[in-house]
Amino acid sequence: MALDIISVEDALVVQVPVRFDAGNAPDIEKDLRLMLTTRPKKIIVDFSKTEYIASAGLRVLLSITRDTLKAGGKIALAGLKPAVLKVFEMAGFTSIFTICGSQDDALRKLA
């Protein structure tokens, strides 16, 4: 599986698939780690197509976010649907991640 990763302005935008769970988390993490080798300064993780996220997906996001911040980059999540946002709230992750309503909001937040 290859993630859709595009460049928008000065940020890389990662499109998360419909499901982000134990079935695809290892492949997504592999693609994200490959992306991190380019040392991007701004990353937007777009959840606008994502209907479901499991703990395996949350673990990947935590790891990628930690490594991005350690490398001096910035990361924001965008377009979380209510069911996905609820998982972040229940896990207490809304205070850990920068969560924005849209890609445009995330671009402004990361500026």
Protein backbone atom coordinates (compact mmCIF):
# COMPACT_ATOMS: atom_id res chain seq x y z
CA MET A 1 0.00 0.00 0.00
CA ALA A 2 1.30 3.40 -0.89
CA LEU A 3 -0.09 6.46 0.83
CA ASP A 4 -1.11 9.45 -1.22
CA ILE A 5 1.39 12.14 -0.24
CA ILE A 6 1.30 15.44 -2.09
CA SER A 7 2.98 18.79 -1.68
CA VAL A 8 0.70 21.74 -0.97
CA GLU A 9 2.43 25.09 -0.64
CA ASP A 10 5.34 24.32 1.71
CA ALA A 11 3.76 21.29 3.43
CA LEU A 12 3.45 17.60 2.70
CA VAL A 13 -0.15 16.36 2.88
CA VAL A 14 -0.71 12.71 3.74
CA GLN A 15 -4.13 11.28 2.84
CA VAL A 16 -5.12 8.62 5.39
CA PRO A 17 -7.24 5.76 3.97
CA VAL A 18 -10.81 4.92 5.01
CA ARG A 19 -9.56 2.58 7.77
CA PHE A 20 -6.41 3.02 9.84
CA ASP A 21 -6.09 -0.12 11.92
CA ALA A 22 -3.87 -3.12 12.63
CA GLY A 23 -4.40 -4.38 9.09
CA ASN A 24 -2.72 -1.42 7.40
CA ALA A 25 -0.87 0.42 10.19
CA PRO A 26 2.50 -1.29 9.47
CA ASP A 27 2.35 -0.30 5.78
CA ILE A 28 1.26 3.25 6.60
CA GLU A 29 4.05 3.57 9.16
CA LYS A 30 6.58 2.34 6.59
CA ASP A 31 5.41 4.95 4.06
CA LEU A 32 5.49 7.70 6.69
CA ARG A 33 8.98 6.73 7.87
CA LEU A 34 10.16 6.89 4.25
CA MET A 35 8.60 10.36 3.96
CA LEU A 36 10.39 11.47 7.15
CA THR A 37 13.77 10.70 5.55
CA THR A 38 13.25 13.87 3.48
CA ARG A 39 13.02 15.85 6.76
CA PRO A 40 9.83 17.78 5.90
CA LYS A 41 9.28 20.93 7.92
CA LYS A 42 5.47 20.80 7.76
CA ILE A 43 3.20 17.76 7.57
CA ILE A 44 -0.58 17.69 7.36
CA VAL A 45 -2.25 14.35 8.00
CA ASP A 46 -5.60 14.54 6.20
CA PHE A 47 -8.32 12.35 7.73
CA SER A 48 -11.16 13.63 5.52
CA LYS A 49 -11.67 10.16 3.97
CA THR A 50 -11.11 8.20 7.19
CA GLU A 51 -14.10 6.51 8.81
CA TYR A 52 -12.30 4.41 11.43
CA ILE A 53 -9.06 4.53 13.43
CA ALA A 54 -7.89 1.89 15.90
CA SER A 55 -5.21 1.92 18.57
CA ALA A 56 -2.63 0.70 16.04
CA GLY A 57 -3.26 3.85 13.99
CA LEU A 58 -3.00 6.06 17.06
CA ARG A 59 0.33 4.45 17.95
CA VAL A 60 1.72 5.17 14.47
CA LEU A 61 0.58 8.80 14.69
CA LEU A 62 2.17 9.25 18.11
CA SER A 63 5.47 7.83 16.88
CA ILE A 64 5.53 9.86 13.66
CA THR A 65 4.56 13.05 15.50
CA ARG A 66 7.28 12.55 18.12
CA ASP A 67 9.92 12.00 15.44
CA THR A 68 8.72 14.96 13.36
CA LEU A 69 8.88 17.30 16.35
CA LYS A 70 12.32 15.99 17.38
CA ALA A 71 13.58 16.79 13.87
CA GLY A 72 12.29 20.37 14.16
CA GLY A 73 9.21 19.87 11.99
CA LYS A 74 5.57 20.67 12.59
CA ILE A 75 2.58 18.38 12.13
CA ALA A 76 -1.17 18.91 12.13
CA LEU A 77 -4.16 16.64 11.66
CA ALA A 78 -7.00 17.85 9.45
CA GLY A 79 -10.53 16.90 8.49
CA LEU A 80 -11.35 14.44 11.27
CA LYS A 81 -14.88 13.11 10.97
CA PRO A 82 -16.92 13.01 14.20
CA ALA A 83 -16.38 9.27 14.80
CA VAL A 84 -12.61 9.60 14.36
CA LEU A 85 -12.43 12.75 16.46
CA LYS A 86 -14.34 10.92 19.21
CA VAL A 87 -11.60 8.25 19.33
CA PHE A 88 -8.97 10.99 19.74
CA GLU A 89 -11.05 12.60 22.51
CA MET A 90 -11.61 9.29 24.33
CA ALA A 91 -7.88 8.52 24.19
CA GLY A 92 -7.04 12.00 25.49
CA PHE A 93 -5.10 12.78 22.32
CA THR A 94 -6.77 16.08 21.46
CA SER A 95 -4.29 17.80 23.76
CA ILE A 96 -1.33 16.06 22.10
CA PHE A 97 -2.09 16.76 18.45
CA THR A 98 -2.79 19.97 16.57
CA ILE A 99 -6.24 19.25 15.14
CA CYS A 100 -7.70 21.45 12.41
CA GLY A 101 -10.97 21.42 10.54
CA SER A 102 -9.45 21.42 7.06
CA GLN A 103 -6.20 21.38 5.12
CA ASP A 104 -6.43 25.16 4.70
CA ASP A 105 -6.83 25.60 8.47
CA ALA A 106 -3.83 23.32 9.03
CA LEU A 107 -1.69 25.30 6.56
CA ARG A 108 -2.52 28.51 8.42
CA LYS A 109 -1.84 26.87 11.80
CA LEU A 110 1.55 25.54 10.66
CA ALA A 111 2.63 28.87 9.11
